[in-house]
Amino acid sequence: MSSTKIFISHAAEGKFLAGQIKGYLLYNFGLDVFVAHDDIKPLSDWREELLKGMKESNVIIILLTKDCRESEWVDQESGMGVILGHKIIPISVDGTTPHGFINKYQAFKWSGEFDAGMSRLITLMTRQGLITIDNFIDKLDRTTDFHDAKRNLKTIMNMEDDGVKLDQKQVNRIVDITKHNYAVSNSFSAESLIAEFIKKHKKDIE
């Protein structure tokens, strides 16, 4: 299980995206993600629960939207993340730039469709060691849906295009999955991707 525990800070305009990101990271990688409107139970002490969620995390994703500058909560949460020494990932959703405690950080620019944005975010998190390439290979190995087979393999190949390197053992495990995982090996939509992957890594395949 990953040791990465994420706190997502957001203002009102980032609420929906925060829930989407949490769902994606939880479903696909089993990551522990705290989002206030999902994880704080009714009648609970909000300040106490927020503080607990922050202290138990080691990564804070800050969704920067235009209304963030008017949100005391986002300012306080981002400042606390800096003080606690958490990995800070500011995401500019609408062109809003980091300010206050996090003005020294370069924001990740969210653009395009959700899947494209998540693919780039996951690549960033992988480069920072928050998610490993083996997590993606495990995800491919667990695939039970034909369409997910294509999507999961494409994610790995996109990460390669973005500079993530696969070693020989990882290459051969992926090839083995394409042969023995029913959803992957029988996915018509993934056929061309499998052929492309095998061609690209031909010299590493045992």
Foldseek 3Di string as FASTA:
>chain_A
DFLAAEEEAEDPVCLVVLVVLVVCCCVQQVHHYDDQVPPDDPPDDSVVVLVVSLLSHQEYEYEDDPCLVVDPRSLVSVQVNVVSNHHYAYEDAPPGADDDPCNVDDHHYQDDDPLVRVLVVVLVCCVVVSDDVVSLLVSLLPDDALVVNQVSLVSSVVSVVVPDDDALVSLQSSLVSCVPVPSNVPRPVNVVVSVVSCVVCVVSHD
